[in-house]
N, C-alpha and C. Protein backbone atom coordinates (compact mmCIF):
# COMPACT_ATOMS: atom_id res chain seq x y z
N UNK A 1 -62.33 -53.86 -29.63
CA UNK A 1 -61.86 -52.59 -29.19
C UNK A 1 -62.70 -52.05 -28.05
N UNK A 2 -62.03 -51.41 -27.18
CA UNK A 2 -62.73 -50.88 -26.03
C UNK A 2 -63.20 -49.48 -26.32
N UNK A 3 -64.32 -49.23 -25.84
CA UNK A 3 -64.86 -47.87 -25.99
C UNK A 3 -65.17 -47.35 -24.62
N UNK A 4 -64.77 -46.17 -24.44
CA UNK A 4 -65.04 -45.52 -23.18
C UNK A 4 -66.14 -44.52 -23.38
N UNK A 5 -67.00 -44.61 -22.52
CA UNK A 5 -68.08 -43.64 -22.59
C UNK A 5 -68.21 -42.98 -21.25
N UNK A 6 -68.31 -41.70 -21.33
CA UNK A 6 -68.51 -40.95 -20.10
C UNK A 6 -69.86 -40.30 -20.17
N UNK A 7 -70.57 -40.54 -19.20
CA UNK A 7 -71.86 -39.89 -19.10
C UNK A 7 -71.80 -38.96 -17.91
N UNK A 8 -71.86 -37.69 -18.19
CA UNK A 8 -71.79 -36.70 -17.12
C UNK A 8 -73.15 -36.09 -16.90
N UNK A 9 -73.46 -35.93 -15.72
CA UNK A 9 -74.70 -35.26 -15.39
C UNK A 9 -74.48 -33.77 -15.48
N UNK A 10 -75.48 -32.99 -15.69
CA UNK A 10 -75.31 -31.55 -15.82
C UNK A 10 -74.64 -30.92 -14.60
N UNK A 11 -74.93 -31.38 -13.40
CA UNK A 11 -74.31 -30.81 -12.22
C UNK A 11 -72.82 -31.15 -12.21
N UNK A 12 -72.46 -32.36 -12.52
CA UNK A 12 -71.08 -32.80 -12.55
C UNK A 12 -70.34 -32.15 -13.71
N UNK A 13 -71.02 -31.92 -14.80
CA UNK A 13 -70.41 -31.29 -15.97
C UNK A 13 -69.92 -29.89 -15.63
N UNK A 14 -70.64 -29.13 -14.90
CA UNK A 14 -70.24 -27.79 -14.50
C UNK A 14 -69.03 -27.81 -13.58
N UNK A 15 -69.04 -28.73 -12.63
CA UNK A 15 -67.91 -28.83 -11.71
C UNK A 15 -66.65 -29.30 -12.44
N UNK A 16 -66.83 -30.21 -13.35
CA UNK A 16 -65.69 -30.72 -14.11
C UNK A 16 -65.11 -29.62 -14.98
N UNK A 17 -65.96 -28.82 -15.57
CA UNK A 17 -65.49 -27.72 -16.41
C UNK A 17 -64.69 -26.72 -15.57
N UNK A 18 -65.15 -26.43 -14.39
CA UNK A 18 -64.45 -25.49 -13.52
C UNK A 18 -63.08 -26.07 -13.14
N UNK A 19 -63.02 -27.34 -12.81
CA UNK A 19 -61.76 -27.96 -12.43
C UNK A 19 -60.80 -27.97 -13.61
N UNK A 20 -61.27 -28.30 -14.79
CA UNK A 20 -60.41 -28.33 -15.98
C UNK A 20 -59.91 -26.93 -16.29
N UNK A 21 -60.77 -25.93 -16.22
CA UNK A 21 -60.34 -24.56 -16.47
C UNK A 21 -59.32 -24.10 -15.43
N UNK A 22 -59.51 -24.50 -14.17
CA UNK A 22 -58.56 -24.13 -13.12
C UNK A 22 -57.20 -24.76 -13.38
N UNK A 23 -57.19 -26.03 -13.75
CA UNK A 23 -55.92 -26.71 -14.04
C UNK A 23 -55.24 -26.07 -15.24
N UNK A 24 -55.99 -25.73 -16.27
CA UNK A 24 -55.44 -25.09 -17.46
C UNK A 24 -54.86 -23.72 -17.11
N UNK A 25 -55.55 -22.94 -16.31
CA UNK A 25 -55.05 -21.62 -15.92
C UNK A 25 -53.79 -21.75 -15.06
N UNK A 26 -53.78 -22.72 -14.17
CA UNK A 26 -52.60 -22.91 -13.32
C UNK A 26 -51.40 -23.32 -14.15
N UNK A 27 -51.61 -24.18 -15.12
CA UNK A 27 -50.52 -24.63 -15.98
C UNK A 27 -49.97 -23.47 -16.80
N UNK A 28 -50.84 -22.65 -17.34
CA UNK A 28 -50.38 -21.50 -18.13
C UNK A 28 -49.65 -20.48 -17.27
N UNK A 29 -50.12 -20.25 -16.06
CA UNK A 29 -49.46 -19.24 -15.22
C UNK A 29 -48.10 -19.73 -14.74
N UNK A 30 -47.97 -21.01 -14.45
CA UNK A 30 -46.67 -21.55 -14.03
C UNK A 30 -45.70 -21.50 -15.19
N UNK A 31 -46.16 -21.77 -16.38
CA UNK A 31 -45.29 -21.73 -17.56
C UNK A 31 -44.83 -20.33 -17.90
N UNK A 32 -45.66 -19.34 -17.59
CA UNK A 32 -45.27 -17.96 -17.92
C UNK A 32 -44.30 -17.38 -16.91
N UNK A 33 -44.24 -17.98 -15.73
CA UNK A 33 -43.30 -17.49 -14.73
C UNK A 33 -41.92 -18.07 -15.03
N UNK A 34 -40.95 -17.17 -15.09
CA UNK A 34 -39.58 -17.62 -15.31
C UNK A 34 -38.73 -17.14 -14.15
N UNK A 35 -37.70 -17.86 -13.88
CA UNK A 35 -36.81 -17.44 -12.81
C UNK A 35 -36.02 -16.22 -13.29
N UNK A 36 -35.75 -15.29 -12.41
CA UNK A 36 -35.01 -14.10 -12.83
C UNK A 36 -33.60 -14.49 -13.27
N UNK A 37 -33.19 -13.91 -14.36
CA UNK A 37 -31.85 -14.18 -14.87
C UNK A 37 -30.86 -13.26 -14.17
N UNK A 38 -29.75 -13.83 -13.79
CA UNK A 38 -28.71 -13.05 -13.14
C UNK A 38 -27.80 -12.52 -14.22
N UNK A 39 -27.74 -11.22 -14.30
CA UNK A 39 -26.90 -10.59 -15.30
C UNK A 39 -25.57 -10.23 -14.68
N UNK A 40 -24.51 -10.55 -15.37
CA UNK A 40 -23.20 -10.11 -14.93
C UNK A 40 -23.02 -8.69 -15.40
N UNK A 41 -22.79 -7.84 -14.44
CA UNK A 41 -22.66 -6.43 -14.76
C UNK A 41 -21.22 -6.14 -15.17
N UNK A 42 -21.08 -5.63 -16.36
CA UNK A 42 -19.75 -5.24 -16.82
C UNK A 42 -19.50 -3.81 -16.36
N UNK A 43 -18.34 -3.62 -15.76
CA UNK A 43 -18.00 -2.29 -15.27
C UNK A 43 -17.43 -1.45 -16.40
N UNK A 44 -17.82 -0.22 -16.39
CA UNK A 44 -17.27 0.72 -17.36
C UNK A 44 -15.85 1.05 -16.94
N UNK A 45 -15.00 1.49 -17.86
CA UNK A 45 -13.62 1.83 -17.50
C UNK A 45 -13.53 2.85 -16.37
N UNK A 46 -14.44 3.80 -16.33
CA UNK A 46 -14.41 4.82 -15.28
C UNK A 46 -14.69 4.19 -13.92
N UNK A 47 -15.66 3.24 -13.88
CA UNK A 47 -15.98 2.58 -12.62
C UNK A 47 -14.81 1.71 -12.16
N UNK A 48 -14.16 1.04 -13.10
CA UNK A 48 -12.99 0.23 -12.77
C UNK A 48 -11.89 1.10 -12.19
N UNK A 49 -11.68 2.26 -12.79
CA UNK A 49 -10.65 3.18 -12.29
C UNK A 49 -10.99 3.67 -10.89
N UNK A 50 -12.29 3.91 -10.62
CA UNK A 50 -12.69 4.36 -9.28
C UNK A 50 -12.42 3.27 -8.25
N UNK A 51 -12.72 2.02 -8.61
CA UNK A 51 -12.48 0.92 -7.68
C UNK A 51 -10.99 0.78 -7.42
N UNK A 52 -10.17 0.86 -8.47
CA UNK A 52 -8.73 0.76 -8.30
C UNK A 52 -8.19 1.94 -7.49
N UNK A 53 -8.75 3.13 -7.72
CA UNK A 53 -8.29 4.31 -6.99
C UNK A 53 -8.63 4.17 -5.50
N UNK A 54 -9.79 3.61 -5.21
CA UNK A 54 -10.17 3.40 -3.81
C UNK A 54 -9.23 2.40 -3.15
N UNK A 55 -8.90 1.34 -3.87
CA UNK A 55 -7.98 0.34 -3.33
C UNK A 55 -6.58 0.91 -3.18
N UNK A 56 -6.21 1.78 -4.10
CA UNK A 56 -4.86 2.35 -4.07
C UNK A 56 -4.76 3.55 -3.13
N UNK A 57 -5.87 3.95 -2.52
CA UNK A 57 -5.82 5.13 -1.67
C UNK A 57 -5.32 4.82 -0.26
N UNK A 58 -4.79 3.64 -0.07
CA UNK A 58 -4.19 3.32 1.23
C UNK A 58 -3.00 4.24 1.44
N UNK A 59 -2.74 4.59 2.67
CA UNK A 59 -1.64 5.55 2.91
C UNK A 59 -0.31 4.96 2.46
N UNK A 60 0.54 5.80 1.90
CA UNK A 60 1.85 5.31 1.45
C UNK A 60 2.71 4.95 2.66
N UNK A 61 3.65 4.06 2.46
CA UNK A 61 4.51 3.71 3.59
C UNK A 61 5.36 4.91 4.01
N UNK A 62 5.74 4.96 5.26
CA UNK A 62 6.54 6.10 5.71
C UNK A 62 7.90 6.09 5.03
N UNK A 63 8.50 7.27 4.86
CA UNK A 63 9.82 7.31 4.22
C UNK A 63 10.85 6.62 5.11
N UNK A 64 11.90 6.09 4.51
CA UNK A 64 12.91 5.40 5.32
C UNK A 64 13.64 6.37 6.25
N UNK A 65 14.05 5.87 7.38
CA UNK A 65 14.81 6.68 8.33
C UNK A 65 16.25 6.80 7.83
N UNK A 66 17.02 7.76 8.33
CA UNK A 66 18.42 7.88 7.89
C UNK A 66 19.21 6.59 8.08
N UNK A 67 18.91 5.84 9.13
CA UNK A 67 19.62 4.58 9.37
C UNK A 67 19.29 3.53 8.31
N UNK A 68 18.09 3.62 7.73
CA UNK A 68 17.68 2.65 6.71
C UNK A 68 18.24 2.98 5.34
N UNK A 69 18.63 4.22 5.12
CA UNK A 69 19.21 4.62 3.84
C UNK A 69 20.71 4.37 3.87
N UNK A 70 21.33 4.22 2.70
CA UNK A 70 22.78 4.01 2.69
C UNK A 70 23.51 5.28 3.15
N UNK A 71 24.63 5.12 3.86
CA UNK A 71 25.37 6.31 4.31
C UNK A 71 25.99 7.04 3.13
N UNK A 72 26.10 8.35 3.28
CA UNK A 72 26.74 9.18 2.25
C UNK A 72 28.06 9.71 2.80
N UNK A 73 29.06 9.79 1.96
CA UNK A 73 30.37 10.25 2.46
C UNK A 73 30.32 11.73 2.88
N UNK A 74 31.06 12.08 3.92
CA UNK A 74 31.07 13.48 4.37
C UNK A 74 32.00 14.32 3.48
N UNK A 75 31.78 15.62 3.53
CA UNK A 75 32.69 16.56 2.88
C UNK A 75 33.45 17.28 4.00
N UNK A 76 34.76 17.10 4.00
CA UNK A 76 35.60 17.70 5.04
C UNK A 76 36.64 18.57 4.36
N UNK A 77 36.78 19.80 4.85
CA UNK A 77 37.83 20.69 4.33
C UNK A 77 38.60 21.28 5.51
N UNK A 78 39.90 21.48 5.29
CA UNK A 78 40.76 22.06 6.33
C UNK A 78 41.69 23.05 5.63
N UNK A 79 41.38 24.34 5.79
CA UNK A 79 42.17 25.39 5.14
C UNK A 79 42.47 26.49 6.15
N UNK A 80 43.71 26.90 6.19
CA UNK A 80 44.15 27.99 7.08
C UNK A 80 43.75 27.74 8.53
N UNK A 81 43.83 26.50 8.98
CA UNK A 81 43.51 26.18 10.37
C UNK A 81 42.01 26.11 10.66
N UNK A 82 41.18 26.23 9.63
CA UNK A 82 39.73 26.19 9.80
C UNK A 82 39.19 24.84 9.27
N UNK A 83 38.48 24.14 10.13
CA UNK A 83 37.91 22.83 9.77
C UNK A 83 36.42 23.00 9.50
N UNK A 84 35.97 22.41 8.40
CA UNK A 84 34.53 22.39 8.07
C UNK A 84 34.13 20.95 7.78
N UNK A 85 32.98 20.57 8.30
CA UNK A 85 32.45 19.22 8.07
C UNK A 85 31.00 19.35 7.62
N UNK A 86 30.69 18.73 6.50
CA UNK A 86 29.30 18.63 6.03
C UNK A 86 28.99 17.14 5.97
N UNK A 87 28.06 16.72 6.81
CA UNK A 87 27.69 15.30 6.89
C UNK A 87 26.23 15.12 6.48
N UNK A 88 25.99 14.67 5.22
CA UNK A 88 24.61 14.49 4.76
C UNK A 88 24.08 13.08 5.02
N UNK A 89 24.18 12.56 6.20
CA UNK A 89 23.83 11.19 6.59
C UNK A 89 25.06 10.30 6.48
N UNK A 90 26.10 10.70 7.16
CA UNK A 90 27.38 9.99 7.18
C UNK A 90 27.54 9.26 8.50
N UNK A 91 28.35 8.21 8.49
CA UNK A 91 28.66 7.54 9.76
C UNK A 91 29.76 8.32 10.48
N UNK A 92 29.76 8.23 11.79
CA UNK A 92 30.76 8.92 12.59
C UNK A 92 32.17 8.44 12.21
N UNK A 93 32.32 7.15 11.95
CA UNK A 93 33.65 6.64 11.58
C UNK A 93 34.11 7.21 10.24
N UNK A 94 33.20 7.39 9.27
CA UNK A 94 33.58 8.00 7.98
C UNK A 94 34.04 9.44 8.18
N UNK A 95 33.35 10.18 9.05
CA UNK A 95 33.72 11.58 9.31
C UNK A 95 35.10 11.64 9.96
N UNK A 96 35.33 10.82 10.96
CA UNK A 96 36.62 10.84 11.66
C UNK A 96 37.76 10.42 10.74
N UNK A 97 37.53 9.47 9.85
CA UNK A 97 38.55 9.07 8.88
C UNK A 97 38.87 10.21 7.92
N UNK A 98 37.83 10.94 7.49
CA UNK A 98 38.04 12.07 6.58
C UNK A 98 38.80 13.19 7.29
N UNK A 99 38.46 13.46 8.56
CA UNK A 99 39.18 14.48 9.33
C UNK A 99 40.64 14.06 9.49
N UNK A 100 40.89 12.79 9.78
CA UNK A 100 42.26 12.30 9.93
C UNK A 100 43.05 12.49 8.64
N UNK A 101 42.42 12.19 7.49
CA UNK A 101 43.15 12.32 6.22
C UNK A 101 43.38 13.78 5.83
N UNK A 102 42.45 14.69 6.17
CA UNK A 102 42.60 16.11 5.80
C UNK A 102 43.56 16.85 6.73
N UNK A 103 43.51 16.52 8.02
CA UNK A 103 44.32 17.27 8.99
C UNK A 103 45.63 16.58 9.35
N UNK A 104 45.72 15.30 9.13
CA UNK A 104 46.91 14.55 9.53
C UNK A 104 46.93 14.25 11.01
N UNK A 105 45.83 14.50 11.70
CA UNK A 105 45.75 14.26 13.15
C UNK A 105 45.68 12.76 13.42
N UNK A 106 46.15 12.37 14.57
CA UNK A 106 46.07 10.98 15.00
C UNK A 106 44.76 10.80 15.76
N UNK A 107 43.82 10.11 15.14
CA UNK A 107 42.50 9.93 15.75
C UNK A 107 42.24 8.43 15.87
N UNK A 108 41.94 7.98 17.07
CA UNK A 108 41.55 6.59 17.28
C UNK A 108 40.05 6.49 17.01
N UNK A 109 39.69 5.61 16.07
CA UNK A 109 38.28 5.45 15.70
C UNK A 109 37.79 4.14 16.31
N UNK A 110 36.81 4.21 17.20
CA UNK A 110 36.30 2.97 17.79
C UNK A 110 35.63 2.10 16.73
N UNK A 111 35.71 0.78 16.87
CA UNK A 111 35.16 -0.11 15.85
C UNK A 111 33.64 0.01 15.67
N UNK A 112 32.90 0.41 16.66
CA UNK A 112 31.44 0.50 16.55
C UNK A 112 30.93 1.90 16.29
N UNK A 113 31.73 2.76 15.65
CA UNK A 113 31.31 4.16 15.43
C UNK A 113 30.46 4.27 14.17
N UNK A 114 29.31 3.59 14.17
CA UNK A 114 28.42 3.61 13.00
C UNK A 114 27.24 4.54 13.19
N UNK A 115 27.28 5.36 14.21
CA UNK A 115 26.20 6.32 14.45
C UNK A 115 26.11 7.27 13.27
N UNK A 116 24.88 7.58 12.85
CA UNK A 116 24.69 8.47 11.70
C UNK A 116 24.71 9.92 12.16
N UNK A 117 25.29 10.76 11.30
CA UNK A 117 25.38 12.19 11.57
C UNK A 117 24.83 12.92 10.35
N UNK A 118 23.90 13.82 10.59
CA UNK A 118 23.35 14.68 9.55
C UNK A 118 23.45 16.10 10.08
N UNK A 119 24.51 16.81 9.68
CA UNK A 119 24.73 18.15 10.21
C UNK A 119 25.86 18.84 9.48
N UNK A 120 26.06 20.14 9.83
CA UNK A 120 27.19 20.94 9.36
C UNK A 120 27.94 21.46 10.58
N UNK A 121 29.26 21.37 10.52
CA UNK A 121 30.09 21.88 11.61
C UNK A 121 31.15 22.78 11.00
N UNK A 122 31.42 23.91 11.65
CA UNK A 122 32.46 24.82 11.19
C UNK A 122 31.94 25.81 10.18
N UNK A 123 32.80 26.56 9.60
CA UNK A 123 34.26 26.52 9.77
C UNK A 123 34.66 27.10 11.13
N UNK A 124 35.73 26.54 11.62
CA UNK A 124 36.26 26.98 12.91
C UNK A 124 37.52 26.20 13.23
N UNK A 125 38.13 26.52 14.37
CA UNK A 125 39.31 25.77 14.79
C UNK A 125 38.96 24.28 14.92
N UNK A 126 39.88 23.43 14.52
CA UNK A 126 39.64 21.98 14.51
C UNK A 126 39.17 21.48 15.87
N UNK A 127 39.77 22.02 16.93
CA UNK A 127 39.40 21.60 18.28
C UNK A 127 37.92 21.86 18.56
N UNK A 128 37.42 23.05 18.21
CA UNK A 128 36.03 23.42 18.46
C UNK A 128 35.06 22.61 17.59
N UNK A 129 35.44 22.44 16.32
CA UNK A 129 34.56 21.70 15.39
C UNK A 129 34.45 20.24 15.83
N UNK A 130 35.58 19.62 16.21
CA UNK A 130 35.53 18.23 16.67
C UNK A 130 34.77 18.10 17.99
N UNK A 131 34.91 19.09 18.87
CA UNK A 131 34.16 19.06 20.13
C UNK A 131 32.66 19.12 19.85
N UNK A 132 32.25 19.98 18.90
CA UNK A 132 30.83 20.08 18.55
C UNK A 132 30.34 18.76 17.95
N UNK A 133 31.16 18.14 17.11
CA UNK A 133 30.79 16.86 16.50
C UNK A 133 30.62 15.78 17.56
N UNK A 134 31.60 15.66 18.44
CA UNK A 134 31.57 14.58 19.42
C UNK A 134 30.59 14.82 20.56
N UNK A 135 30.34 16.07 20.90
CA UNK A 135 29.35 16.35 21.94
C UNK A 135 27.93 16.12 21.44
N UNK A 136 27.75 16.19 20.14
CA UNK A 136 26.42 15.96 19.56
C UNK A 136 26.10 14.48 19.42
N UNK A 137 27.11 13.62 19.53
CA UNK A 137 26.86 12.18 19.39
C UNK A 137 26.87 11.54 20.77
N UNK A 138 25.96 10.62 21.00
CA UNK A 138 25.84 9.97 22.31
C UNK A 138 26.04 8.49 22.15
């Protein structure tokens, strides 16, 4: 069997002790250092609502224009020679067809008369009311 013997001189013994203590201290300090743990932060319901409210605070889209909405039928009345037209976003052709049916007048309706009308005309003589309607459309 082999036996190892170390004979240290007093000067070397002190240096060796310092080196061993330094290595021991370094090992302990490295072992005590841990990497920081990354915690996933759970949001409280109020914080979630704030985030959603911020995302939802984008401006609302603009309302549709009358041309984008479906046309509504006009209300036309003809009593005692007085014509009244209420057009709540009606097409010009719908108004002229209603005037033709209420008055019995012969009105030629152009095929492209899809211009929208939002207005009230009359009561008044049919000639004046129709002039106001047609002069207002371009």
